[in-house]
Amino acid sequence: MYIFTSIIKSTPDNSWYIELSDMSKENHIEICNSIEEYADKIELMGQEYDEEIKVEWSNDDNITLSQIDEVRKEMMEYEAKLLEENNLNL
């Protein structure tokens, strides 16, 4: 099992981004400014390991609860969209 870390961080203008790291590779960090970008990058990175990965989440100390809620909400909306698309393709 390969471990990726996903850290929610804040920009000076109080928007968020996700720093995605492959723990098996030194200094392999991807910056994701949206959930769609995050999903694309984690899928691409996971292909190298036959998608046998575990993702550990955390956040910087300066992240607000509303930013965390926004990330969660966008993640749930993205997953619902994927589920709907998969159901249409059955």
PDB file of N, CA and C in Angstrom:
ATOM      1  N   MET A   1       0.851  -1.181   0.000  1.00  0.00           N
ATOM      2  CA  MET A   1       0.000   0.000   0.000  1.00  0.00           C
ATOM      3  C   MET A   1       0.895   1.242   0.000  1.00  0.00           C
ATOM      4  N   TYR A   2       0.617   2.143  -0.895  1.00  0.00           N
ATOM      5  CA  TYR A   2       1.371   3.387  -1.004  1.00  0.00           C
ATOM      6  C   TYR A   2       0.569   4.511  -0.370  1.00  0.00           C
ATOM      7  N   ILE A   3       1.276   5.410   0.303  1.00  0.00           N
ATOM      8  CA  ILE A   3       0.607   6.481   1.038  1.00  0.00           C
ATOM      9  C   ILE A   3       0.814   7.822   0.336  1.00  0.00           C
ATOM     10  N   PHE A   4      -0.296   8.496   0.119  1.00  0.00           N
ATOM     11  CA  PHE A   4      -0.285   9.872  -0.366  1.00  0.00           C
ATOM     12  C   PHE A   4      -0.780  10.736   0.784  1.00  0.00           C
ATOM     13  N   THR A   5      -0.240  11.930   0.906  1.00  0.00           N
ATOM     14  CA  THR A   5      -0.765  12.876   1.884  1.00  0.00           C
ATOM     15  C   THR A   5      -1.468  14.004   1.144  1.00  0.00           C
ATOM     16  N   SER A   6      -2.557  14.449   1.718  1.00  0.00           N
ATOM     17  CA  SER A   6      -3.332  15.558   1.178  1.00  0.00           C
ATOM     18  C   SER A   6      -3.496  16.567   2.304  1.00  0.00           C
ATOM     19  N   ILE A   7      -2.904  17.733   2.114  1.00  0.00           N
ATOM     20  CA  ILE A   7      -2.946  18.768   3.151  1.00  0.00           C
ATOM     21  C   ILE A   7      -3.714  19.972   2.599  1.00  0.00           C
ATOM     22  N   ILE A   8      -4.767  20.350   3.297  1.00  0.00           N
ATOM     23  CA  ILE A   8      -5.528  21.540   2.912  1.00  0.00           C
ATOM     24  C   ILE A   8      -4.778  22.748   3.449  1.00  0.00           C
ATOM     25  N   LYS A   9      -4.484  23.681   2.541  1.00  0.00           N
ATOM     26  CA  LYS A   9      -3.733  24.883   2.916  1.00  0.00           C
ATOM     27  C   LYS A   9      -4.489  26.121   2.467  1.00  0.00           C
ATOM     28  N   SER A  10      -4.098  27.248   3.027  1.00  0.00           N
ATOM     29  CA  SER A  10      -4.759  28.519   2.734  1.00  0.00           C
ATOM     30  C   SER A  10      -3.809  29.456   2.005  1.00  0.00           C
ATOM     31  N   THR A  11      -4.382  30.258   1.116  1.00  0.00           N
ATOM     32  CA  THR A  11      -3.609  31.284   0.417  1.00  0.00           C
ATOM     33  C   THR A  11      -3.781  32.612   1.159  1.00  0.00           C
ATOM     34  N   PRO A  12      -2.962  33.606   0.849  1.00  0.00           N
ATOM     35  CA  PRO A  12      -3.105  34.914   1.513  1.00  0.00           C
ATOM     36  C   PRO A  12      -4.484  35.555   1.319  1.00  0.00           C
ATOM     37  N   ASP A  13      -5.180  35.199   0.231  1.00  0.00           N
ATOM     38  CA  ASP A  13      -6.510  35.777   0.012  1.00  0.00           C
ATOM     39  C   ASP A  13      -7.634  34.895   0.592  1.00  0.00           C
ATOM     40  N   ASN A  14      -7.257  33.961   1.469  1.00  0.00           N
ATOM     41  CA  ASN A  14      -8.184  33.085   2.192  1.00  0.00           C
ATOM     42  C   ASN A  14      -8.912  32.058   1.334  1.00  0.00           C
ATOM     43  N   SER A  15      -8.395  31.767   0.149  1.00  0.00           N
ATOM     44  CA  SER A  15      -8.918  30.626  -0.584  1.00  0.00           C
ATOM     45  C   SER A  15      -8.091  29.408  -0.187  1.00  0.00           C
ATOM     46  N   TRP A  16      -8.494  28.244  -0.592  1.00  0.00           N
ATOM     47  CA  TRP A  16      -7.803  27.024  -0.195  1.00  0.00           C
ATOM     48  C   TRP A  16      -7.197  26.339  -1.416  1.00  0.00           C
ATOM     49  N   TYR A  17      -6.258  25.465  -1.132  1.00  0.00           N
ATOM     50  CA  TYR A  17      -5.713  24.549  -2.128  1.00  0.00           C
ATOM     51  C   TYR A  17      -5.279  23.288  -1.400  1.00  0.00           C
ATOM     52  N   ILE A  18      -5.046  22.232  -2.155  1.00  0.00           N
ATOM     53  CA  ILE A  18      -4.629  20.965  -1.562  1.00  0.00           C
ATOM     54  C   ILE A  18      -3.231  20.643  -2.052  1.00  0.00           C
ATOM     55  N   GLU A  19      -2.359  20.356  -1.114  1.00  0.00           N
ATOM     56  CA  GLU A  19      -0.999  19.928  -1.435  1.00  0.00           C
ATOM     57  C   GLU A  19      -0.988  18.397  -1.372  1.00  0.00           C
ATOM     58  N   LEU A  20      -0.785  17.775  -2.520  1.00  0.00           N
ATOM     59  CA  LEU A  20      -0.812  16.323  -2.640  1.00  0.00           C
ATOM     60  C   LEU A  20       0.610  15.806  -2.789  1.00  0.00           C
ATOM     61  N   SER A  21       0.996  14.868  -1.914  1.00  0.00           N
ATOM     62  CA  SER A  21       2.365  14.348  -1.921  1.00  0.00           C
ATOM     63  C   SER A  21       2.354  12.828  -2.002  1.00  0.00           C
ATOM     64  N   ASP A  22       3.296  12.302  -2.759  1.00  0.00           N
ATOM     65  CA  ASP A  22       3.543  10.863  -2.828  1.00  0.00           C
ATOM     66  C   ASP A  22       4.672  10.584  -1.839  1.00  0.00           C
ATOM     67  N   MET A  23       4.366   9.906  -0.751  1.00  0.00           N
ATOM     68  CA  MET A  23       5.346   9.710   0.312  1.00  0.00           C
ATOM     69  C   MET A  23       6.494   8.782  -0.092  1.00  0.00           C
ATOM     70  N   SER A  24       6.324   8.021  -1.171  1.00  0.00           N
ATOM     71  CA  SER A  24       7.402   7.126  -1.597  1.00  0.00           C
ATOM     72  C   SER A  24       8.419   7.831  -2.486  1.00  0.00           C
ATOM     73  N   LYS A  25       8.113   9.063  -2.861  1.00  0.00           N
ATOM     74  CA  LYS A  25       9.021   9.836  -3.713  1.00  0.00           C
ATOM     75  C   LYS A  25       9.380  11.140  -3.019  1.00  0.00           C
ATOM     76  N   GLU A  26      10.656  11.377  -2.889  1.00  0.00           N
ATOM     77  CA  GLU A  26      11.116  12.593  -2.238  1.00  0.00           C
ATOM     78  C   GLU A  26      10.757  13.809  -3.086  1.00  0.00           C
ATOM     79  N   ASN A  27      10.176  14.798  -2.437  1.00  0.00           N
ATOM     80  CA  ASN A  27       9.849  16.082  -3.067  1.00  0.00           C
ATOM     81  C   ASN A  27       8.857  15.977  -4.220  1.00  0.00           C
ATOM     82  N   HIS A  28       7.990  14.970  -4.225  1.00  0.00           N
ATOM     83  CA  HIS A  28       6.958  14.896  -5.256  1.00  0.00           C
ATOM     84  C   HIS A  28       5.678  15.500  -4.687  1.00  0.00           C
ATOM     85  N   ILE A  29       5.490  16.784  -4.964  1.00  0.00           N
ATOM     86  CA  ILE A  29       4.337  17.524  -4.448  1.00  0.00           C
ATOM     87  C   ILE A  29       3.577  18.123  -5.616  1.00  0.00           C
ATOM     88  N   GLU A  30       2.273  17.926  -5.602  1.00  0.00           N
ATOM     89  CA  GLU A  30       1.384  18.513  -6.592  1.00  0.00           C
ATOM     90  C   GLU A  30       0.472  19.504  -5.879  1.00  0.00           C
ATOM     91  N   ILE A  31       0.228  20.638  -6.501  1.00  0.00           N
ATOM     92  CA  ILE A  31      -0.672  21.648  -5.966  1.00  0.00           C
ATOM     93  C   ILE A  31      -1.982  21.558  -6.732  1.00  0.00           C
ATOM     94  N   CYS A  32      -3.079  21.445  -5.996  1.00  0.00           N
ATOM     95  CA  CYS A  32      -4.402  21.300  -6.599  1.00  0.00           C
ATOM     96  C   CYS A  32      -5.290  22.457  -6.139  1.00  0.00           C
ATOM     97  N   ASN A  33      -5.783  23.225  -7.091  1.00  0.00           N
ATOM     98  CA  ASN A  33      -6.589  24.396  -6.762  1.00  0.00           C
ATOM     99  C   ASN A  33      -8.088  24.146  -6.847  1.00  0.00           C
ATOM    100  N   SER A  34      -8.469  22.912  -7.154  1.00  0.00           N
ATOM    101  CA  SER A  34      -9.885  22.546  -7.198  1.00  0.00           C
ATOM    102  C   SER A  34     -10.001  21.048  -6.930  1.00  0.00           C
ATOM    103  N   ILE A  35     -11.198  20.613  -6.619  1.00  0.00           N
ATOM    104  CA  ILE A  35     -11.428  19.188  -6.385  1.00  0.00           C
ATOM    105  C   ILE A  35     -11.249  18.408  -7.689  1.00  0.00           C
ATOM    106  N   GLU A  36     -11.661  18.974  -8.804  1.00  0.00           N
ATOM    107  CA  GLU A  36     -11.490  18.300 -10.088  1.00  0.00           C
ATOM    108  C   GLU A  36     -10.002  18.097 -10.398  1.00  0.00           C
ATOM    109  N   GLU A  37      -9.217  19.113 -10.159  1.00  0.00           N
ATOM    110  CA  GLU A  37      -7.773  19.009 -10.382  1.00  0.00           C
ATOM    111  C   GLU A  37      -7.169  17.971  -9.435  1.00  0.00           C
ATOM    112  N   TYR A  38      -7.621  17.961  -8.191  1.00  0.00           N
ATOM    113  CA  TYR A  38      -7.152  16.986  -7.213  1.00  0.00           C
ATOM    114  C   TYR A  38      -7.481  15.563  -7.682  1.00  0.00           C
ATOM    115  N   ALA A  39      -8.713  15.351  -8.109  1.00  0.00           N
ATOM    116  CA  ALA A  39      -9.139  14.024  -8.562  1.00  0.00           C
ATOM    117  C   ALA A  39      -8.313  13.555  -9.756  1.00  0.00           C
ATOM    118  N   ASP A  40      -8.076  14.446 -10.699  1.00  0.00           N
ATOM    119  CA  ASP A  40      -7.274  14.096 -11.875  1.00  0.00           C
ATOM    120  C   ASP A  40      -5.849  13.713 -11.477  1.00  0.00           C
ATOM    121  N   LYS A  41      -5.253  14.496 -10.603  1.00  0.00           N
ATOM    122  CA  LYS A  41      -3.852  14.242 -10.219  1.00  0.00           C
ATOM    123  C   LYS A  41      -3.704  12.981  -9.376  1.00  0.00           C
ATOM    124  N   ILE A  42      -4.637  12.744  -8.469  1.00  0.00           N
ATOM    125  CA  ILE A  42      -4.517  11.554  -7.635  1.00  0.00           C
ATOM    126  C   ILE A  42      -4.768  10.293  -8.467  1.00  0.00           C
ATOM    127  N   GLU A  43      -5.654  10.392  -9.442  1.00  0.00           N
ATOM    128  CA  GLU A  43      -5.881   9.249 -10.329  1.00  0.00           C
ATOM    129  C   GLU A  43      -4.625   8.955 -11.151  1.00  0.00           C
ATOM    130  N   LEU A  44      -4.033   9.988 -11.702  1.00  0.00           N
ATOM    131  CA  LEU A  44      -2.815   9.829 -12.496  1.00  0.00           C
ATOM    132  C   LEU A  44      -1.669   9.278 -11.645  1.00  0.00           C
ATOM    133  N   MET A  45      -1.485   9.825 -10.463  1.00  0.00           N
ATOM    134  CA  MET A  45      -0.412   9.357  -9.581  1.00  0.00           C
ATOM    135  C   MET A  45      -0.663   7.924  -9.116  1.00  0.00           C
ATOM    136  N   GLY A  46      -1.925   7.581  -8.864  1.00  0.00           N
ATOM    137  CA  GLY A  46      -2.264   6.250  -8.385  1.00  0.00           C
ATOM    138  C   GLY A  46      -2.088   5.155  -9.423  1.00  0.00           C
ATOM    139  N   GLN A  47      -2.141   5.513 -10.702  1.00  0.00           N
ATOM    140  CA  GLN A  47      -1.971   4.525 -11.762  1.00  0.00           C
ATOM    141  C   GLN A  47      -0.617   3.827 -11.679  1.00  0.00           C
ATOM    142  N   GLU A  48       0.376   4.539 -11.242  1.00  0.00           N
ATOM    143  CA  GLU A  48       1.720   3.979 -11.125  1.00  0.00           C
ATOM    144  C   GLU A  48       1.762   2.823 -10.125  1.00  0.00           C
ATOM    145  N   TYR A  49       0.841   2.828  -9.172  1.00  0.00           N
ATOM    146  CA  TYR A  49       0.817   1.816  -8.114  1.00  0.00           C
ATOM    147  C   TYR A  49      -0.389   0.886  -8.255  1.00  0.00           C
ATOM    148  N   ASP A  50      -0.927   0.777  -9.449  1.00  0.00           N
ATOM    149  CA  ASP A  50      -2.138  -0.019  -9.681  1.00  0.00           C
ATOM    150  C   ASP A  50      -3.258   0.413  -8.744  1.00  0.00           C
ATOM    151  N   GLU A  51      -3.258   1.688  -8.424  1.00  0.00           N
ATOM    152  CA  GLU A  51      -4.279   2.328  -7.596  1.00  0.00           C
ATOM    153  C   GLU A  51      -4.381   1.735  -6.191  1.00  0.00           C
ATOM    154  N   GLU A  52      -3.340   1.068  -5.706  1.00  0.00           N
ATOM    155  CA  GLU A  52      -3.310   0.553  -4.339  1.00  0.00           C
ATOM    156  C   GLU A  52      -2.681   1.609  -3.439  1.00  0.00           C
ATOM    157  N   ILE A  53      -3.501   2.633  -3.146  1.00  0.00           N
ATOM    158  CA  ILE A  53      -3.001   3.759  -2.362  1.00  0.00           C
ATOM    159  C   ILE A  53      -3.903   4.029  -1.166  1.00  0.00           C
ATOM    160  N   LYS A  54      -3.331   4.691  -0.204  1.00  0.00           N
ATOM    161  CA  LYS A  54      -4.071   5.188   0.953  1.00  0.00           C
ATOM    162  C   LYS A  54      -3.803   6.688   1.015  1.00  0.00           C
ATOM    163  N   VAL A  55      -4.838   7.461   1.286  1.00  0.00           N
ATOM    164  CA  VAL A  55      -4.686   8.913   1.371  1.00  0.00           C
ATOM    165  C   VAL A  55      -4.874   9.343   2.814  1.00  0.00           C
ATOM    166  N   GLU A  56      -3.875  10.043   3.344  1.00  0.00           N
ATOM    167  CA  GLU A  56      -3.957  10.599   4.696  1.00  0.00           C
ATOM    168  C   GLU A  56      -4.201  12.103   4.581  1.00  0.00           C
ATOM    169  N   TRP A  57      -5.267  12.570   5.214  1.00  0.00           N
ATOM    170  CA  TRP A  57      -5.661  13.973   5.153  1.00  0.00           C
ATOM    171  C   TRP A  57      -5.229  14.722   6.407  1.00  0.00           C
ATOM    172  N   SER A  58      -4.884  15.992   6.199  1.00  0.00           N
ATOM    173  CA  SER A  58      -4.636  16.904   7.312  1.00  0.00           C
ATOM    174  C   SER A  58      -4.847  18.323   6.799  1.00  0.00           C
ATOM    175  N   ASN A  59      -4.655  19.277   7.666  1.00  0.00           N
ATOM    176  CA  ASN A  59      -4.769  20.677   7.252  1.00  0.00           C
ATOM    177  C   ASN A  59      -3.796  21.522   8.060  1.00  0.00           C
ATOM    178  N   ASP A  60      -3.409  22.632   7.469  1.00  0.00           N
ATOM    179  CA  ASP A  60      -2.556  23.588   8.169  1.00  0.00           C
ATOM    180  C   ASP A  60      -3.337  24.218   9.319  1.00  0.00           C
ATOM    181  N   ASP A  61      -2.617  24.754  10.268  1.00  0.00           N
ATOM    182  CA  ASP A  61      -3.244  25.375  11.431  1.00  0.00           C
ATOM    183  C   ASP A  61      -4.084  26.605  11.074  1.00  0.00           C
ATOM    184  N   ASN A  62      -3.741  27.285   9.994  1.00  0.00           N
ATOM    185  CA  ASN A  62      -4.447  28.522   9.649  1.00  0.00           C
ATOM    186  C   ASN A  62      -5.704  28.296   8.801  1.00  0.00           C
ATOM    187  N   ILE A  63      -6.062  27.058   8.557  1.00  0.00           N
ATOM    188  CA  ILE A  63      -7.269  26.755   7.798  1.00  0.00           C
ATOM    189  C   ILE A  63      -8.488  26.958   8.698  1.00  0.00           C
ATOM    190  N   THR A  64      -9.513  27.588   8.153  1.00  0.00           N
ATOM    191  CA  THR A  64     -10.736  27.812   8.927  1.00  0.00           C
ATOM    192  C   THR A  64     -11.690  26.625   8.751  1.00  0.00           C
ATOM    193  N   LEU A  65     -12.620  26.512   9.680  1.00  0.00           N
ATOM    194  CA  LEU A  65     -13.628  25.457   9.564  1.00  0.00           C
ATOM    195  C   LEU A  65     -14.467  25.625   8.312  1.00  0.00           C
ATOM    196  N   SER A  66     -14.733  26.844   7.916  1.00  0.00           N
ATOM    197  CA  SER A  66     -15.532  27.070   6.703  1.00  0.00           C
ATOM    198  C   SER A  66     -14.767  26.605   5.459  1.00  0.00           C
ATOM    199  N   GLN A  67     -13.442  26.755   5.451  1.00  0.00           N
ATOM    200  CA  GLN A  67     -12.657  26.259   4.321  1.00  0.00           C
ATOM    201  C   GLN A  67     -12.688  24.729   4.270  1.00  0.00           C
ATOM    202  N   ILE A  68     -12.567  24.088   5.434  1.00  0.00           N
ATOM    203  CA  ILE A  68     -12.645  22.626   5.486  1.00  0.00           C
ATOM    204  C   ILE A  68     -14.023  22.164   5.029  1.00  0.00           C
ATOM    205  N   ASP A  69     -15.065  22.842   5.482  1.00  0.00           N
ATOM    206  CA  ASP A  69     -16.426  22.493   5.062  1.00  0.00           C
ATOM    207  C   ASP A  69     -16.599  22.663   3.556  1.00  0.00           C
ATOM    208  N   GLU A  70     -16.004  23.706   2.999  1.00  0.00           N
ATOM    209  CA  GLU A  70     -16.095  23.940   1.559  1.00  0.00           C
ATOM    210  C   GLU A  70     -15.425  22.806   0.784  1.00  0.00           C
ATOM    211  N   VAL A  71     -14.262  22.370   1.239  1.00  0.00           N
ATOM    212  CA  VAL A  71     -13.567  21.255   0.584  1.00  0.00           C
ATOM    213  C   VAL A  71     -14.417  19.997   0.678  1.00  0.00           C
ATOM    214  N   ARG A  72     -14.957  19.708   1.846  1.00  0.00           N
ATOM    215  CA  ARG A  72     -15.808  18.523   2.029  1.00  0.00           C
ATOM    216  C   ARG A  72     -17.030  18.583   1.121  1.00  0.00           C
ATOM    217  N   LYS A  73     -17.672  19.752   1.070  1.00  0.00           N
ATOM    218  CA  LYS A  73     -18.871  19.920   0.249  1.00  0.00           C
ATOM    219  C   LYS A  73     -18.537  19.689  -1.223  1.00  0.00           C
ATOM    220  N   GLU A  74     -17.465  20.295  -1.700  1.00  0.00           N
ATOM    221  CA  GLU A  74     -17.086  20.124  -3.100  1.00  0.00           C
ATOM    222  C   GLU A  74     -16.702  18.678  -3.400  1.00  0.00           C
ATOM    223  N   MET A  75     -16.067  18.004  -2.445  1.00  0.00           N
ATOM    224  CA  MET A  75     -15.699  16.601  -2.611  1.00  0.00           C
ATOM    225  C   MET A  75     -16.969  15.741  -2.715  1.00  0.00           C
ATOM    226  N   MET A  76     -17.946  15.989  -1.856  1.00  0.00           N
ATOM    227  CA  MET A  76     -19.193  15.223  -1.895  1.00  0.00           C
ATOM    228  C   MET A  76     -19.949  15.479  -3.195  1.00  0.00           C
ATOM    229  N   GLU A  77     -19.965  16.720  -3.663  1.00  0.00           N
ATOM    230  CA  GLU A  77     -20.628  17.047  -4.927  1.00  0.00           C
ATOM    231  C   GLU A  77     -19.933  16.357  -6.097  1.00  0.00           C
ATOM    232  N   TYR A  78     -18.615  16.317  -6.067  1.00  0.00           N
ATOM    233  CA  TYR A  78     -17.849  15.660  -7.121  1.00  0.00           C
ATOM    234  C   TYR A  78     -18.142  14.160  -7.128  1.00  0.00           C
ATOM    235  N   GLU A  79     -18.148  13.537  -5.949  1.00  0.00           N
ATOM    236  CA  GLU A  79     -18.435  12.105  -5.857  1.00  0.00           C
ATOM    237  C   GLU A  79     -19.856  11.797  -6.315  1.00  0.00           C
ATOM    238  N   ALA A  80     -20.820  12.644  -5.970  1.00  0.00           N
ATOM    239  CA  ALA A  80     -22.204  12.447  -6.408  1.00  0.00           C
ATOM    240  C   ALA A  80     -22.303  12.547  -7.924  1.00  0.00           C
ATOM    241  N   LYS A  81     -21.581  13.484  -8.509  1.00  0.00           N
ATOM    242  CA  LYS A  81     -21.566  13.642  -9.967  1.00  0.00           C
ATOM    243  C   LYS A  81     -20.993  12.393 -10.636  1.00  0.00           C
ATOM    244  N   LEU A  82     -19.898  11.854 -10.091  1.00  0.00           N
ATOM    245  CA  LEU A  82     -19.295  10.627 -10.647  1.00  0.00           C
ATOM    246  C   LEU A  82     -20.266   9.456 -10.543  1.00  0.00           C
ATOM    247  N   LEU A  83     -20.924   9.317  -9.411  1.00  0.00           N
ATOM    248  CA  LEU A  83     -21.884   8.239  -9.203  1.00  0.00           C
ATOM    249  C   LEU A  83     -23.019   8.340 -10.206  1.00  0.00           C
ATOM    250  N   GLU A  84     -23.524   9.544 -10.394  1.00  0.00           N
ATOM    251  CA  GLU A  84     -24.610   9.759 -11.353  1.00  0.00           C
ATOM    252  C   GLU A  84     -24.155   9.396 -12.773  1.00  0.00           C
ATOM    253  N   GLU A  85     -22.957   9.824 -13.144  1.00  0.00           N
ATOM    254  CA  GLU A  85     -22.432   9.501 -14.479  1.00  0.00           C
ATOM    255  C   GLU A  85     -22.255   7.998 -14.653  1.00  0.00           C
ATOM    256  N   ASN A  86     -21.771   7.322 -13.603  1.00  0.00           N
ATOM    257  CA  ASN A  86     -21.601   5.865 -13.680  1.00  0.00           C
ATOM    258  C   ASN A  86     -22.933   5.159 -13.803  1.00  0.00           C
ATOM    259  N   ASN A  87     -23.963   5.636 -13.104  1.00  0.00           N
ATOM    260  CA  ASN A  87     -25.289   5.029 -13.197  1.00  0.00           C
ATOM    261  C   ASN A  87     -25.894   5.224 -14.577  1.00  0.00           C
ATOM    262  N   LEU A  88     -25.619   6.343 -15.219  1.00  0.00           N
ATOM    263  CA  LEU A  88     -26.119   6.592 -16.570  1.00  0.00           C
ATOM    264  C   LEU A  88     -25.443   5.693 -17.599  1.00  0.00           C
ATOM    265  N   ASN A  89     -24.205   5.295 -17.313  1.00  0.00           N
ATOM    266  CA  ASN A  89     -23.454   4.479 -18.265  1.00  0.00           C
ATOM    267  C   ASN A  89     -23.703   2.982 -18.098  1.00  0.00           C
ATOM    268  N   LEU A  90     -24.523   2.592 -17.120  1.00  0.00           N
ATOM    269  CA  LEU A  90     -24.802   1.152 -16.913  1.00  0.00           C
ATOM    270  C   LEU A  90     -25.810   0.625 -17.884  1.00  0.00           C
TER     271      LEU A  90
END
